[in-house]
Amino acid sequence: ALWQEDGPGAGYFPFRIGVIMFVVSAITFALHLRRMSGDEPTFVDRSQLRQVLQVLVPTIVFVVSIGFLGIYLASAIFILFFMRWLGKYPFYKIVPIAVLTPLFLFVMFEIWFLVPLPKGPIEAALGY
């Protein structure tokens, strides 16, 4: 239940905020559709849309891969991919960051804060 005897439940505020965001987005979309005419410039051109998709598509793949690989391995691959593909950094700079960032996050969340995050095959092989 969203509301419990002692106050709001776990999903109360995220649900309300999500509903508010959805309603406001729908209103904004409807207002934009009403004001559209053929002589207005487009919202984005092809090159701008391409830049957005260069970030959006890998981010979606990252989020989906968390369920299969765990957050730490997926994060390492995500960092490696972005630094190489968009940043054009050399591998000697990429690899330490792609390995040490998820490792630090593992230590911080799993050991210091005792907050379990989604695990994958590597953590399972190591007994975590």
N, C-alpha and C. Protein backbone atom coordinates (compact mmCIF):
# COMPACT_ATOMS: atom_id res chain seq x y z
N ALA A 1 0.84 -1.19 0.00
CA ALA A 1 0.00 0.00 0.00
C ALA A 1 0.88 1.24 0.00
N LEU A 2 0.40 2.26 -0.67
CA LEU A 2 1.17 3.49 -0.72
C LEU A 2 1.16 4.22 0.62
N TRP A 3 0.05 4.12 1.35
CA TRP A 3 -0.01 4.76 2.65
C TRP A 3 -0.19 3.70 3.72
N GLN A 4 0.63 3.76 4.77
CA GLN A 4 0.58 2.76 5.83
C GLN A 4 0.19 3.42 7.13
N GLU A 5 0.06 2.64 8.19
CA GLU A 5 -0.36 3.17 9.49
C GLU A 5 0.58 4.27 10.00
N ASP A 6 1.86 4.10 9.76
CA ASP A 6 2.84 5.05 10.29
C ASP A 6 3.26 6.12 9.29
N GLY A 7 2.56 6.22 8.16
CA GLY A 7 2.88 7.27 7.20
C GLY A 7 3.00 6.73 5.79
N PRO A 8 3.65 7.49 4.95
CA PRO A 8 3.76 7.07 3.55
C PRO A 8 4.62 5.81 3.41
N GLY A 9 4.20 4.92 2.50
CA GLY A 9 4.94 3.70 2.23
C GLY A 9 6.11 3.97 1.31
N ALA A 10 6.80 2.89 0.95
CA ALA A 10 8.04 3.00 0.19
C ALA A 10 7.84 3.65 -1.18
N GLY A 11 6.73 3.41 -1.84
CA GLY A 11 6.55 3.94 -3.18
C GLY A 11 5.68 5.17 -3.26
N TYR A 12 5.31 5.74 -2.12
CA TYR A 12 4.36 6.86 -2.12
C TYR A 12 4.88 8.07 -2.88
N PHE A 13 6.02 8.59 -2.49
CA PHE A 13 6.53 9.81 -3.12
C PHE A 13 7.03 9.57 -4.54
N PRO A 14 7.78 8.50 -4.82
CA PRO A 14 8.17 8.28 -6.22
C PRO A 14 6.96 8.15 -7.16
N PHE A 15 5.91 7.49 -6.69
CA PHE A 15 4.71 7.34 -7.52
C PHE A 15 4.07 8.69 -7.78
N ARG A 16 3.92 9.49 -6.74
CA ARG A 16 3.30 10.82 -6.91
C ARG A 16 4.13 11.71 -7.83
N ILE A 17 5.43 11.72 -7.64
CA ILE A 17 6.30 12.53 -8.49
C ILE A 17 6.23 12.04 -9.93
N GLY A 18 6.21 10.73 -10.13
CA GLY A 18 6.10 10.16 -11.47
C GLY A 18 4.79 10.56 -12.15
N VAL A 19 3.69 10.54 -11.41
CA VAL A 19 2.40 10.94 -11.97
C VAL A 19 2.43 12.42 -12.35
N ILE A 20 2.97 13.25 -11.48
CA ILE A 20 3.07 14.69 -11.76
C ILE A 20 3.91 14.93 -13.01
N MET A 21 5.05 14.26 -13.11
CA MET A 21 5.92 14.44 -14.28
C MET A 21 5.22 13.98 -15.56
N PHE A 22 4.48 12.87 -15.48
CA PHE A 22 3.76 12.38 -16.65
C PHE A 22 2.69 13.36 -17.09
N VAL A 23 1.91 13.87 -16.14
CA VAL A 23 0.83 14.80 -16.48
C VAL A 23 1.40 16.08 -17.10
N VAL A 24 2.44 16.64 -16.49
CA VAL A 24 3.04 17.87 -17.02
C VAL A 24 3.64 17.62 -18.41
N SER A 25 4.28 16.48 -18.60
CA SER A 25 4.83 16.15 -19.92
C SER A 25 3.72 16.02 -20.96
N ALA A 26 2.62 15.38 -20.60
CA ALA A 26 1.50 15.23 -21.53
C ALA A 26 0.91 16.58 -21.89
N ILE A 27 0.78 17.48 -20.91
CA ILE A 27 0.25 18.82 -21.18
C ILE A 27 1.21 19.58 -22.10
N THR A 28 2.50 19.52 -21.82
CA THR A 28 3.48 20.19 -22.67
C THR A 28 3.44 19.65 -24.09
N PHE A 29 3.34 18.35 -24.23
CA PHE A 29 3.26 17.74 -25.56
C PHE A 29 2.01 18.19 -26.30
N ALA A 30 0.86 18.19 -25.61
CA ALA A 30 -0.40 18.62 -26.23
C ALA A 30 -0.33 20.09 -26.65
N LEU A 31 0.23 20.94 -25.80
CA LEU A 31 0.36 22.36 -26.15
C LEU A 31 1.27 22.54 -27.37
N HIS A 32 2.32 21.78 -27.42
CA HIS A 32 3.23 21.88 -28.57
C HIS A 32 2.53 21.44 -29.85
N LEU A 33 1.76 20.36 -29.78
CA LEU A 33 1.04 19.89 -30.97
C LEU A 33 0.03 20.94 -31.45
N ARG A 34 -0.61 21.63 -30.54
CA ARG A 34 -1.59 22.66 -30.92
C ARG A 34 -0.93 23.84 -31.61
N ARG A 35 0.28 24.18 -31.19
CA ARG A 35 0.97 25.35 -31.74
C ARG A 35 1.77 25.05 -33.00
N MET A 36 1.90 23.78 -33.35
CA MET A 36 2.72 23.43 -34.52
C MET A 36 2.10 23.94 -35.81
N SER A 37 2.94 24.48 -36.63
CA SER A 37 2.52 24.85 -37.98
C SER A 37 3.66 24.52 -38.93
N GLY A 38 3.37 24.49 -40.21
CA GLY A 38 4.37 24.09 -41.18
C GLY A 38 5.52 25.06 -41.36
N ASP A 39 5.35 26.33 -40.98
CA ASP A 39 6.40 27.31 -41.23
C ASP A 39 7.40 27.46 -40.08
N GLU A 40 7.17 26.78 -38.98
CA GLU A 40 8.11 26.85 -37.86
C GLU A 40 9.32 25.97 -38.12
N PRO A 41 10.47 26.36 -37.60
CA PRO A 41 11.65 25.50 -37.78
C PRO A 41 11.49 24.20 -36.97
N THR A 42 12.21 23.19 -37.39
CA THR A 42 12.13 21.92 -36.67
C THR A 42 12.78 22.04 -35.30
N PHE A 43 12.37 21.16 -34.42
CA PHE A 43 12.88 21.16 -33.06
C PHE A 43 14.37 20.83 -33.04
N VAL A 44 14.74 19.79 -33.78
CA VAL A 44 16.16 19.41 -33.91
C VAL A 44 16.42 19.03 -35.36
N ASP A 45 17.64 19.25 -35.78
CA ASP A 45 18.00 18.77 -37.12
C ASP A 45 18.67 17.40 -36.99
N ARG A 46 19.04 16.83 -38.11
CA ARG A 46 19.60 15.46 -38.10
C ARG A 46 20.87 15.35 -37.25
N SER A 47 21.75 16.32 -37.36
CA SER A 47 23.01 16.23 -36.61
C SER A 47 22.77 16.34 -35.10
N GLN A 48 21.83 17.17 -34.70
CA GLN A 48 21.51 17.28 -33.27
C GLN A 48 20.86 16.00 -32.76
N LEU A 49 19.95 15.44 -33.55
CA LEU A 49 19.31 14.18 -33.16
C LEU A 49 20.33 13.06 -33.09
N ARG A 50 21.28 13.06 -33.99
CA ARG A 50 22.33 12.04 -33.98
C ARG A 50 23.15 12.13 -32.68
N GLN A 51 23.48 13.34 -32.26
CA GLN A 51 24.23 13.52 -31.01
C GLN A 51 23.45 13.00 -29.81
N VAL A 52 22.16 13.28 -29.79
CA VAL A 52 21.32 12.80 -28.68
C VAL A 52 21.28 11.28 -28.69
N LEU A 53 21.10 10.69 -29.86
CA LEU A 53 21.02 9.23 -29.96
C LEU A 53 22.35 8.56 -29.64
N GLN A 54 23.49 9.25 -29.90
CA GLN A 54 24.79 8.69 -29.55
C GLN A 54 24.94 8.51 -28.05
N VAL A 55 24.21 9.26 -27.28
CA VAL A 55 24.24 9.10 -25.83
C VAL A 55 23.07 8.24 -25.35
N LEU A 56 21.90 8.45 -25.93
CA LEU A 56 20.69 7.76 -25.47
C LEU A 56 20.76 6.26 -25.70
N VAL A 57 21.12 5.82 -26.89
CA VAL A 57 21.12 4.39 -27.21
C VAL A 57 22.11 3.62 -26.33
N PRO A 58 23.37 4.05 -26.19
CA PRO A 58 24.28 3.32 -25.29
C PRO A 58 23.81 3.34 -23.83
N THR A 59 23.16 4.41 -23.43
CA THR A 59 22.66 4.48 -22.05
C THR A 59 21.54 3.47 -21.84
N ILE A 60 20.67 3.32 -22.82
CA ILE A 60 19.61 2.30 -22.73
C ILE A 60 20.23 0.91 -22.68
N VAL A 61 21.23 0.67 -23.53
CA VAL A 61 21.91 -0.63 -23.52
C VAL A 61 22.56 -0.87 -22.15
N PHE A 62 23.16 0.16 -21.58
CA PHE A 62 23.77 0.06 -20.25
C PHE A 62 22.74 -0.34 -19.20
N VAL A 63 21.61 0.34 -19.19
CA VAL A 63 20.58 0.06 -18.19
C VAL A 63 20.06 -1.37 -18.34
N VAL A 64 19.82 -1.80 -19.57
CA VAL A 64 19.33 -3.17 -19.80
C VAL A 64 20.39 -4.19 -19.40
N SER A 65 21.66 -3.90 -19.68
CA SER A 65 22.73 -4.85 -19.38
C SER A 65 22.97 -5.01 -17.89
N ILE A 66 22.54 -4.07 -17.08
CA ILE A 66 22.72 -4.20 -15.63
C ILE A 66 22.03 -5.46 -15.13
N GLY A 67 20.87 -5.79 -15.70
CA GLY A 67 20.15 -6.99 -15.27
C GLY A 67 20.88 -8.28 -15.59
N PHE A 68 21.74 -8.27 -16.62
CA PHE A 68 22.46 -9.47 -17.02
C PHE A 68 23.88 -9.52 -16.48
N LEU A 69 24.55 -8.38 -16.48
CA LEU A 69 25.96 -8.33 -16.11
C LEU A 69 26.21 -7.82 -14.70
N GLY A 70 25.23 -7.21 -14.09
CA GLY A 70 25.43 -6.54 -12.81
C GLY A 70 25.89 -5.11 -13.06
N ILE A 71 25.72 -4.27 -12.06
CA ILE A 71 25.99 -2.85 -12.26
C ILE A 71 27.47 -2.54 -12.42
N TYR A 72 28.33 -3.33 -11.79
CA TYR A 72 29.74 -3.01 -11.81
C TYR A 72 30.39 -3.34 -13.16
N LEU A 73 30.13 -4.52 -13.69
CA LEU A 73 30.68 -4.88 -14.99
C LEU A 73 30.06 -4.02 -16.09
N ALA A 74 28.75 -3.80 -16.01
CA ALA A 74 28.08 -2.95 -17.00
C ALA A 74 28.65 -1.53 -16.96
N SER A 75 28.95 -1.03 -15.77
CA SER A 75 29.53 0.31 -15.65
C SER A 75 30.93 0.37 -16.26
N ALA A 76 31.72 -0.66 -16.02
CA ALA A 76 33.07 -0.69 -16.60
C ALA A 76 33.01 -0.68 -18.12
N ILE A 77 32.12 -1.48 -18.69
CA ILE A 77 31.98 -1.51 -20.15
C ILE A 77 31.46 -0.18 -20.67
N PHE A 78 30.50 0.39 -19.97
CA PHE A 78 29.92 1.68 -20.36
C PHE A 78 30.98 2.79 -20.36
N ILE A 79 31.78 2.86 -19.32
CA ILE A 79 32.84 3.86 -19.23
C ILE A 79 33.87 3.65 -20.33
N LEU A 80 34.28 2.40 -20.51
CA LEU A 80 35.24 2.08 -21.55
C LEU A 80 34.72 2.49 -22.92
N PHE A 81 33.48 2.14 -23.21
CA PHE A 81 32.88 2.45 -24.51
C PHE A 81 32.82 3.95 -24.74
N PHE A 82 32.31 4.69 -23.77
CA PHE A 82 32.15 6.13 -23.97
C PHE A 82 33.49 6.85 -24.08
N MET A 83 34.44 6.46 -23.25
CA MET A 83 35.73 7.14 -23.32
C MET A 83 36.42 6.88 -24.65
N ARG A 84 36.26 5.68 -25.19
CA ARG A 84 36.92 5.36 -26.46
C ARG A 84 36.15 5.93 -27.64
N TRP A 85 34.83 5.71 -27.66
CA TRP A 85 34.03 6.08 -28.83
C TRP A 85 33.83 7.58 -28.95
N LEU A 86 33.37 8.21 -27.89
CA LEU A 86 33.10 9.64 -27.96
C LEU A 86 34.30 10.49 -27.56
N GLY A 87 35.07 10.02 -26.59
CA GLY A 87 36.20 10.81 -26.11
C GLY A 87 37.48 10.58 -26.89
N LYS A 88 37.56 9.45 -27.58
CA LYS A 88 38.75 9.11 -28.38
C LYS A 88 40.03 9.05 -27.53
N TYR A 89 39.87 8.66 -26.26
CA TYR A 89 41.03 8.54 -25.38
C TYR A 89 41.80 7.27 -25.69
N PRO A 90 43.11 7.27 -25.42
CA PRO A 90 43.88 6.04 -25.62
C PRO A 90 43.57 5.03 -24.50
N PHE A 91 43.78 3.76 -24.79
CA PHE A 91 43.43 2.71 -23.84
C PHE A 91 44.20 2.79 -22.53
N TYR A 92 45.42 3.31 -22.55
CA TYR A 92 46.17 3.40 -21.30
C TYR A 92 45.53 4.38 -20.32
N LYS A 93 44.68 5.28 -20.81
CA LYS A 93 43.92 6.17 -19.92
C LYS A 93 42.55 5.58 -19.59
N ILE A 94 42.00 4.85 -20.52
CA ILE A 94 40.64 4.31 -20.35
C ILE A 94 40.60 3.18 -19.34
N VAL A 95 41.48 2.21 -19.48
CA VAL A 95 41.41 0.99 -18.68
C VAL A 95 41.48 1.26 -17.18
N PRO A 96 42.42 2.08 -16.69
CA PRO A 96 42.43 2.32 -15.24
C PRO A 96 41.12 2.96 -14.74
N ILE A 97 40.58 3.88 -15.49
CA ILE A 97 39.34 4.53 -15.06
C ILE A 97 38.18 3.56 -15.14
N ALA A 98 38.10 2.77 -16.21
CA ALA A 98 37.00 1.83 -16.38
C ALA A 98 37.04 0.71 -15.34
N VAL A 99 38.21 0.41 -14.81
CA VAL A 99 38.33 -0.63 -13.78
C VAL A 99 38.20 -0.04 -12.37
N LEU A 100 38.88 1.06 -12.13
CA LEU A 100 38.92 1.61 -10.77
C LEU A 100 37.62 2.28 -10.34
N THR A 101 36.89 2.89 -11.27
CA THR A 101 35.63 3.54 -10.89
C THR A 101 34.62 2.54 -10.37
N PRO A 102 34.30 1.46 -11.10
CA PRO A 102 33.36 0.47 -10.54
C PRO A 102 33.90 -0.22 -9.29
N LEU A 103 35.21 -0.41 -9.23
CA LEU A 103 35.81 -1.02 -8.03
C LEU A 103 35.60 -0.12 -6.82
N PHE A 104 35.84 1.17 -6.99
CA PHE A 104 35.61 2.12 -5.90
C PHE A 104 34.14 2.13 -5.49
N LEU A 105 33.25 2.13 -6.48
CA LEU A 105 31.82 2.13 -6.18
C LEU A 105 31.41 0.85 -5.45
N PHE A 106 32.03 -0.28 -5.82
CA PHE A 106 31.76 -1.54 -5.12
C PHE A 106 32.16 -1.43 -3.66
N VAL A 107 33.37 -0.95 -3.42
CA VAL A 107 33.84 -0.80 -2.03
C VAL A 107 32.93 0.15 -1.26
N MET A 108 32.58 1.27 -1.87
CA MET A 108 31.77 2.27 -1.19
C MET A 108 30.38 1.72 -0.85
N PHE A 109 29.68 1.16 -1.83
CA PHE A 109 28.31 0.72 -1.58
C PHE A 109 28.23 -0.61 -0.85
N GLU A 110 28.98 -1.60 -1.29
CA GLU A 110 28.85 -2.95 -0.74
C GLU A 110 29.54 -3.11 0.61
N ILE A 111 30.68 -2.46 0.80
CA ILE A 111 31.45 -2.67 2.02
C ILE A 111 31.20 -1.56 3.04
N TRP A 112 31.34 -0.31 2.63
CA TRP A 112 31.20 0.78 3.58
C TRP A 112 29.74 1.03 3.95
N PHE A 113 28.86 1.18 2.95
CA PHE A 113 27.46 1.51 3.23
C PHE A 113 26.57 0.29 3.41
N LEU A 114 27.08 -0.89 3.06
CA LEU A 114 26.32 -2.14 3.13
C LEU A 114 25.01 -2.06 2.34
N VAL A 115 25.09 -1.45 1.18
CA VAL A 115 23.94 -1.33 0.28
C VAL A 115 24.18 -2.25 -0.91
N PRO A 116 23.44 -3.33 -1.02
CA PRO A 116 23.66 -4.24 -2.15
C PRO A 116 23.10 -3.65 -3.45
N LEU A 117 23.90 -3.71 -4.49
CA LEU A 117 23.48 -3.29 -5.81
C LEU A 117 23.41 -4.53 -6.71
N PRO A 118 22.77 -4.43 -7.87
CA PRO A 118 22.62 -5.62 -8.74
C PRO A 118 23.96 -6.25 -9.08
N LYS A 119 24.05 -7.54 -8.84
CA LYS A 119 25.29 -8.28 -9.09
C LYS A 119 25.19 -9.04 -10.39
N GLY A 120 26.35 -9.39 -10.93
CA GLY A 120 26.42 -10.15 -12.17
C GLY A 120 27.27 -11.37 -11.99
N PRO A 121 27.72 -11.96 -13.07
CA PRO A 121 28.49 -13.22 -13.02
C PRO A 121 29.86 -13.07 -12.36
N ILE A 122 30.48 -11.92 -12.48
CA ILE A 122 31.81 -11.74 -11.86
C ILE A 122 31.68 -11.75 -10.33
N GLU A 123 30.73 -11.03 -9.80
CA GLU A 123 30.54 -11.01 -8.35
C GLU A 123 30.16 -12.40 -7.83
N ALA A 124 29.34 -13.11 -8.61
CA ALA A 124 28.96 -14.47 -8.22
C ALA A 124 30.17 -15.40 -8.20
N ALA A 125 31.05 -15.25 -9.18
CA ALA A 125 32.27 -16.08 -9.23
C ALA A 125 33.20 -15.76 -8.06
N LEU A 126 33.18 -14.51 -7.61
CA LEU A 126 34.03 -14.11 -6.49
C LEU A 126 33.37 -14.35 -5.14
N GLY A 127 32.12 -14.82 -5.13
CA GLY A 127 31.42 -15.12 -3.88
C GLY A 127 30.69 -13.95 -3.26
N TYR A 128 30.37 -12.94 -4.01
CA TYR A 128 29.64 -11.79 -3.46
C TYR A 128 28.20 -11.83 -3.86
